[in-house]
N, C-alpha and C. Protein backbone atom coordinates (compact mmCIF):
# COMPACT_ATOMS: atom_id res chain seq x y z
N MET A 1 -14.32 -62.78 19.18
CA MET A 1 -15.59 -62.03 18.92
C MET A 1 -15.61 -60.57 19.00
N SER A 2 -14.75 -60.14 19.98
CA SER A 2 -14.62 -58.67 20.09
C SER A 2 -13.80 -58.01 18.85
N ASP A 3 -12.99 -58.96 18.31
CA ASP A 3 -12.30 -58.42 17.09
C ASP A 3 -13.22 -58.16 15.96
N ILE A 4 -14.28 -58.91 15.86
CA ILE A 4 -15.18 -58.64 14.68
C ILE A 4 -15.95 -57.32 15.03
N PHE A 5 -16.30 -57.06 16.27
CA PHE A 5 -16.97 -55.80 16.53
C PHE A 5 -16.06 -54.65 16.33
N ARG A 6 -14.89 -54.78 16.69
CA ARG A 6 -13.78 -53.80 16.46
C ARG A 6 -13.68 -53.47 14.97
N GLU A 7 -13.58 -54.59 14.08
CA GLU A 7 -13.45 -54.32 12.68
C GLU A 7 -14.65 -53.74 11.97
N VAL A 8 -15.79 -54.06 12.49
CA VAL A 8 -17.04 -53.53 12.03
C VAL A 8 -17.14 -52.03 12.42
N ASP A 9 -16.66 -51.71 13.68
CA ASP A 9 -16.69 -50.32 14.13
C ASP A 9 -15.77 -49.47 13.28
N GLU A 10 -14.48 -50.02 12.96
CA GLU A 10 -13.61 -49.31 12.09
C GLU A 10 -14.16 -49.08 10.77
N ALA A 11 -14.80 -50.11 10.27
CA ALA A 11 -15.34 -50.06 8.91
C ALA A 11 -16.44 -48.96 8.82
N LEU A 12 -17.25 -48.93 9.82
CA LEU A 12 -18.27 -47.75 9.92
C LEU A 12 -17.67 -46.42 10.10
N GLN A 13 -16.52 -46.23 10.88
CA GLN A 13 -15.91 -44.97 10.98
C GLN A 13 -15.27 -44.55 9.65
N GLN A 14 -14.69 -45.45 8.96
CA GLN A 14 -14.13 -45.16 7.64
C GLN A 14 -15.31 -44.80 6.69
N ASP A 15 -16.40 -45.45 6.66
CA ASP A 15 -17.52 -45.11 5.84
C ASP A 15 -17.94 -43.68 6.15
N LYS A 16 -18.14 -43.37 7.47
CA LYS A 16 -18.58 -42.07 7.84
C LYS A 16 -17.63 -40.92 7.31
N LEU A 17 -16.38 -41.24 7.54
CA LEU A 17 -15.33 -40.30 7.06
C LEU A 17 -15.37 -40.13 5.66
N LEU A 18 -15.45 -41.19 4.89
CA LEU A 18 -15.59 -41.12 3.52
C LEU A 18 -16.81 -40.30 2.97
N ALA A 19 -17.91 -40.63 3.64
CA ALA A 19 -19.11 -39.82 3.41
C ALA A 19 -18.97 -38.37 3.58
N ILE A 20 -18.35 -37.97 4.66
CA ILE A 20 -18.05 -36.59 5.02
C ILE A 20 -17.20 -35.98 4.00
N TRP A 21 -16.09 -36.68 3.65
CA TRP A 21 -15.13 -36.21 2.62
C TRP A 21 -15.85 -36.03 1.19
N ASN A 22 -16.68 -36.97 0.89
CA ASN A 22 -17.37 -36.88 -0.40
C ASN A 22 -18.25 -35.68 -0.43
N GLU A 23 -18.89 -35.44 0.71
CA GLU A 23 -19.88 -34.16 0.84
C GLU A 23 -19.19 -32.93 0.91
N TYR A 24 -18.13 -32.81 1.61
CA TYR A 24 -17.54 -31.48 1.95
C TYR A 24 -16.09 -31.36 1.32
N LYS A 25 -15.66 -32.21 0.41
CA LYS A 25 -14.29 -32.00 -0.05
C LYS A 25 -14.03 -30.69 -0.73
N ASN A 26 -14.86 -30.20 -1.54
CA ASN A 26 -14.71 -28.86 -2.15
C ASN A 26 -14.50 -27.77 -1.05
N THR A 27 -15.44 -27.82 -0.06
CA THR A 27 -15.32 -26.76 1.00
C THR A 27 -14.09 -26.86 1.84
N ILE A 28 -13.63 -28.11 2.01
CA ILE A 28 -12.32 -28.35 2.78
C ILE A 28 -11.16 -27.94 2.09
N ILE A 29 -11.18 -28.14 0.75
CA ILE A 29 -10.06 -27.76 -0.12
C ILE A 29 -10.14 -26.30 -0.33
N ALA A 30 -11.22 -25.67 -0.49
CA ALA A 30 -11.27 -24.21 -0.52
C ALA A 30 -10.83 -23.46 0.63
N ALA A 31 -11.27 -24.02 1.79
CA ALA A 31 -10.75 -23.42 3.07
C ALA A 31 -9.31 -23.62 3.34
N LEU A 32 -8.64 -24.70 2.88
CA LEU A 32 -7.22 -24.84 2.96
C LEU A 32 -6.45 -23.84 2.02
N VAL A 33 -6.99 -23.81 0.78
CA VAL A 33 -6.33 -22.80 -0.15
C VAL A 33 -6.38 -21.33 0.46
N ILE A 34 -7.63 -21.00 0.96
CA ILE A 34 -7.85 -19.63 1.52
C ILE A 34 -6.83 -19.38 2.68
N LEU A 35 -6.65 -20.41 3.50
CA LEU A 35 -5.77 -20.40 4.69
C LEU A 35 -4.36 -20.28 4.29
N ILE A 36 -3.93 -21.07 3.35
CA ILE A 36 -2.52 -21.03 2.83
C ILE A 36 -2.36 -19.61 2.14
N THR A 37 -3.15 -19.15 1.36
CA THR A 37 -3.07 -17.88 0.63
C THR A 37 -2.95 -16.83 1.60
N THR A 38 -3.94 -16.74 2.66
CA THR A 38 -3.83 -15.71 3.57
C THR A 38 -2.60 -15.71 4.39
N THR A 39 -2.05 -16.88 4.74
CA THR A 39 -0.85 -16.91 5.47
C THR A 39 0.34 -16.43 4.75
N ALA A 40 0.42 -16.82 3.38
CA ALA A 40 1.41 -16.37 2.49
C ALA A 40 1.39 -14.83 2.31
N LEU A 41 0.21 -14.29 2.16
CA LEU A 41 0.07 -12.84 2.00
C LEU A 41 0.44 -12.13 3.25
N THR A 42 -0.04 -12.53 4.31
CA THR A 42 0.35 -11.88 5.57
C THR A 42 1.87 -11.98 5.88
N THR A 43 2.45 -13.04 5.58
CA THR A 43 3.86 -13.25 5.74
C THR A 43 4.58 -12.20 4.79
N PHE A 44 4.12 -12.13 3.57
CA PHE A 44 4.79 -11.26 2.58
C PHE A 44 4.66 -9.76 3.10
N TYR A 45 3.55 -9.49 3.51
CA TYR A 45 3.26 -8.00 4.03
C TYR A 45 4.19 -7.79 5.24
N HIS A 46 4.28 -8.68 6.15
CA HIS A 46 5.09 -8.42 7.36
C HIS A 46 6.62 -8.26 7.00
N ASN A 47 7.03 -9.16 6.07
CA ASN A 47 8.50 -9.10 5.60
C ASN A 47 8.76 -7.73 4.84
N TRP A 48 7.77 -7.41 4.02
CA TRP A 48 7.97 -6.14 3.23
C TRP A 48 7.94 -4.96 4.16
N ASN A 49 7.05 -4.90 5.13
CA ASN A 49 6.92 -3.79 6.09
C ASN A 49 8.23 -3.75 6.99
N ALA A 50 8.70 -4.87 7.38
CA ALA A 50 9.97 -4.86 8.18
C ALA A 50 11.14 -4.40 7.39
N LYS A 51 11.16 -4.77 6.06
CA LYS A 51 12.25 -4.25 5.19
C LYS A 51 12.23 -2.77 4.92
N ARG A 52 10.94 -2.30 4.74
CA ARG A 52 10.72 -0.90 4.53
C ARG A 52 11.07 -0.12 5.84
N ASN A 53 10.71 -0.57 7.01
CA ASN A 53 11.09 0.02 8.27
C ASN A 53 12.58 0.24 8.45
N GLY A 54 13.28 -0.89 8.10
CA GLY A 54 14.66 -1.02 8.29
C GLY A 54 15.37 0.03 7.30
N GLU A 55 14.91 0.13 6.12
CA GLU A 55 15.47 1.12 5.24
C GLU A 55 15.20 2.48 5.66
N GLU A 56 14.01 2.78 6.15
CA GLU A 56 13.69 4.13 6.48
C GLU A 56 14.45 4.48 7.88
N THR A 57 14.76 3.45 8.69
CA THR A 57 15.45 3.77 9.85
C THR A 57 16.97 4.03 9.55
N ALA A 58 17.47 3.12 8.55
CA ALA A 58 18.92 3.38 8.15
C ALA A 58 19.00 4.74 7.49
N ARG A 59 18.03 5.19 6.75
CA ARG A 59 18.03 6.54 6.15
C ARG A 59 18.02 7.59 7.11
N LEU A 60 17.24 7.56 8.26
CA LEU A 60 17.32 8.43 9.31
C LEU A 60 18.59 8.53 10.07
N ILE A 61 19.04 7.33 10.31
CA ILE A 61 20.44 7.30 10.96
C ILE A 61 21.53 7.91 10.11
N GLN A 62 21.52 7.69 8.76
CA GLN A 62 22.46 8.29 7.90
C GLN A 62 22.39 9.75 7.92
N ALA A 63 21.11 10.21 7.91
CA ALA A 63 20.83 11.74 7.95
C ALA A 63 21.35 12.36 9.26
N LEU A 64 21.27 11.56 10.39
CA LEU A 64 21.74 12.17 11.59
C LEU A 64 23.36 12.16 11.66
N GLU A 65 23.97 11.34 10.99
CA GLU A 65 25.44 11.24 10.93
C GLU A 65 26.02 12.22 10.02
N THR A 66 25.28 12.94 9.20
CA THR A 66 25.80 14.01 8.34
C THR A 66 26.23 15.18 9.11
N GLU A 67 27.06 16.18 8.47
CA GLU A 67 27.49 17.24 9.17
C GLU A 67 26.28 18.26 9.60
N LYS A 68 25.31 18.30 8.63
CA LYS A 68 24.24 19.22 8.89
C LYS A 68 22.94 18.41 8.75
N PRO A 69 22.60 17.81 9.81
CA PRO A 69 21.38 16.90 9.73
C PRO A 69 20.07 17.72 9.56
N GLU A 70 20.17 18.87 10.07
CA GLU A 70 18.96 19.79 10.02
C GLU A 70 18.53 20.17 8.57
N THR A 71 19.46 20.10 7.63
CA THR A 71 19.11 20.31 6.15
C THR A 71 18.56 19.02 5.57
N VAL A 72 18.86 17.83 6.02
CA VAL A 72 18.39 16.61 5.50
C VAL A 72 16.96 16.14 6.16
N LEU A 73 16.79 16.54 7.36
CA LEU A 73 15.61 16.04 8.10
C LEU A 73 14.27 16.40 7.43
N PRO A 74 14.13 17.66 6.95
CA PRO A 74 12.96 17.96 6.25
C PRO A 74 12.55 17.05 5.09
N THR A 75 13.59 16.64 4.38
CA THR A 75 13.36 15.73 3.23
C THR A 75 12.78 14.29 3.76
N ILE A 76 13.43 13.86 4.90
CA ILE A 76 13.00 12.64 5.46
C ILE A 76 11.59 12.76 6.00
N ILE A 77 11.27 13.91 6.52
CA ILE A 77 9.98 14.10 7.15
C ILE A 77 8.92 14.02 5.99
N GLU A 78 9.24 14.50 4.86
CA GLU A 78 8.41 14.47 3.76
C GLU A 78 8.25 13.14 3.00
N ASP A 79 9.35 12.39 2.97
CA ASP A 79 9.47 11.18 2.20
C ASP A 79 9.21 9.90 2.85
N THR A 80 9.14 9.81 4.24
CA THR A 80 9.05 8.59 4.94
C THR A 80 7.62 8.49 5.52
N ARG A 81 7.30 7.28 5.91
CA ARG A 81 5.99 7.03 6.44
C ARG A 81 5.88 7.65 7.93
N LYS A 82 4.64 7.64 8.43
CA LYS A 82 4.33 8.44 9.53
C LYS A 82 5.26 8.28 10.73
N ASN A 83 5.47 7.05 11.17
CA ASN A 83 6.33 6.85 12.35
C ASN A 83 7.61 7.42 12.21
N HIS A 84 8.39 7.16 11.13
CA HIS A 84 9.66 7.66 10.97
C HIS A 84 9.69 9.24 10.75
N ALA A 85 8.58 9.76 10.13
CA ALA A 85 8.47 11.20 10.05
C ALA A 85 8.30 11.78 11.36
N THR A 86 7.62 11.26 12.20
CA THR A 86 7.36 11.70 13.56
C THR A 86 8.64 11.80 14.31
N VAL A 87 9.40 10.75 14.25
CA VAL A 87 10.76 10.64 14.92
C VAL A 87 11.61 11.82 14.31
N ALA A 88 11.68 11.81 13.02
CA ALA A 88 12.42 12.91 12.47
C ALA A 88 12.01 14.30 12.85
N THR A 89 10.70 14.58 12.92
CA THR A 89 10.15 15.82 13.31
C THR A 89 10.56 16.13 14.77
N PHE A 90 10.54 15.12 15.63
CA PHE A 90 10.95 15.39 17.11
C PHE A 90 12.34 15.61 17.16
N ILE A 91 13.23 14.94 16.26
CA ILE A 91 14.66 15.24 16.35
C ILE A 91 14.96 16.72 15.84
N ALA A 92 14.24 17.02 14.69
CA ALA A 92 14.51 18.37 14.21
C ALA A 92 13.98 19.46 15.21
N ALA A 93 12.85 19.23 15.93
CA ALA A 93 12.48 20.10 16.93
C ALA A 93 13.46 20.23 18.14
N GLY A 94 14.04 19.12 18.60
CA GLY A 94 15.03 18.99 19.55
C GLY A 94 16.22 19.78 19.08
N MET A 95 16.67 19.74 17.83
CA MET A 95 17.88 20.42 17.37
C MET A 95 17.50 21.95 17.31
N ALA A 96 16.23 22.25 16.97
CA ALA A 96 15.92 23.73 16.92
C ALA A 96 15.94 24.29 18.40
N LEU A 97 15.54 23.50 19.39
CA LEU A 97 15.55 23.95 20.81
C LEU A 97 17.01 24.11 21.18
N GLU A 98 17.91 23.20 20.75
CA GLU A 98 19.35 23.35 21.17
C GLU A 98 19.81 24.60 20.55
N GLU A 99 19.39 25.08 19.47
CA GLU A 99 19.87 26.30 18.86
C GLU A 99 19.11 27.53 19.36
N ASN A 100 18.23 27.30 20.22
CA ASN A 100 17.32 28.39 20.91
C ASN A 100 16.36 28.96 20.01
N LYS A 101 15.85 28.13 18.97
CA LYS A 101 14.83 28.63 18.04
C LYS A 101 13.39 27.98 18.54
N LYS A 102 12.90 28.71 19.47
CA LYS A 102 11.84 28.10 20.10
C LYS A 102 10.58 28.12 19.23
N GLU A 103 10.49 29.11 18.49
CA GLU A 103 9.23 29.21 17.60
C GLU A 103 9.29 28.05 16.50
N GLU A 104 10.44 27.79 15.93
CA GLU A 104 10.60 26.80 15.00
C GLU A 104 10.36 25.40 15.66
N ALA A 105 10.85 25.24 16.88
CA ALA A 105 10.57 23.96 17.53
C ALA A 105 9.06 23.78 17.90
N ALA A 106 8.51 24.90 18.34
CA ALA A 106 7.07 24.78 18.58
C ALA A 106 6.12 24.46 17.37
N ALA A 107 6.54 24.97 16.20
CA ALA A 107 5.90 24.71 14.92
C ALA A 107 5.99 23.25 14.54
N LEU A 108 7.23 22.81 14.78
CA LEU A 108 7.54 21.32 14.47
C LEU A 108 6.78 20.37 15.33
N TYR A 109 6.72 20.70 16.61
CA TYR A 109 5.87 19.91 17.60
C TYR A 109 4.44 20.01 17.30
N LYS A 110 4.02 21.14 16.88
CA LYS A 110 2.54 21.28 16.54
C LYS A 110 2.29 20.51 15.23
N GLU A 111 3.22 20.59 14.23
CA GLU A 111 3.10 19.82 13.05
C GLU A 111 2.94 18.40 13.32
N SER A 112 3.74 17.85 14.21
CA SER A 112 3.82 16.43 14.53
C SER A 112 2.52 16.02 15.34
N ALA A 113 1.95 16.89 16.19
CA ALA A 113 0.80 16.63 16.91
C ALA A 113 -0.40 16.63 15.95
N GLU A 114 -0.41 17.32 14.90
CA GLU A 114 -1.54 17.38 13.97
C GLU A 114 -1.49 16.27 12.95
N SER A 115 -0.35 15.68 12.81
CA SER A 115 -0.32 14.63 11.70
C SER A 115 -0.68 13.16 12.33
């Protein structure tokens, strides 16, 4: 007897789920498509950003390994995004201080603070 009640209960649950699916299937599919697309775009952006950061970091390291990094750093400051430009500005300011060029170092620090 309890098997009959269980079967009826399962049939009612299936009917309810089918009714919900029929009423909201377009909304559910649209939500899934939006979720998948947003996830894909976010992943693409994070990968692109990481790649670009790696390239800019490598470029900064290469500049520091040259014989005259102070000649290359201004180009990096102009051509890279804000974080790498700030690091390059601090490095250039530190190099200016090592050469006792206090005014140049102060100008670079001020430029970095304003950007």
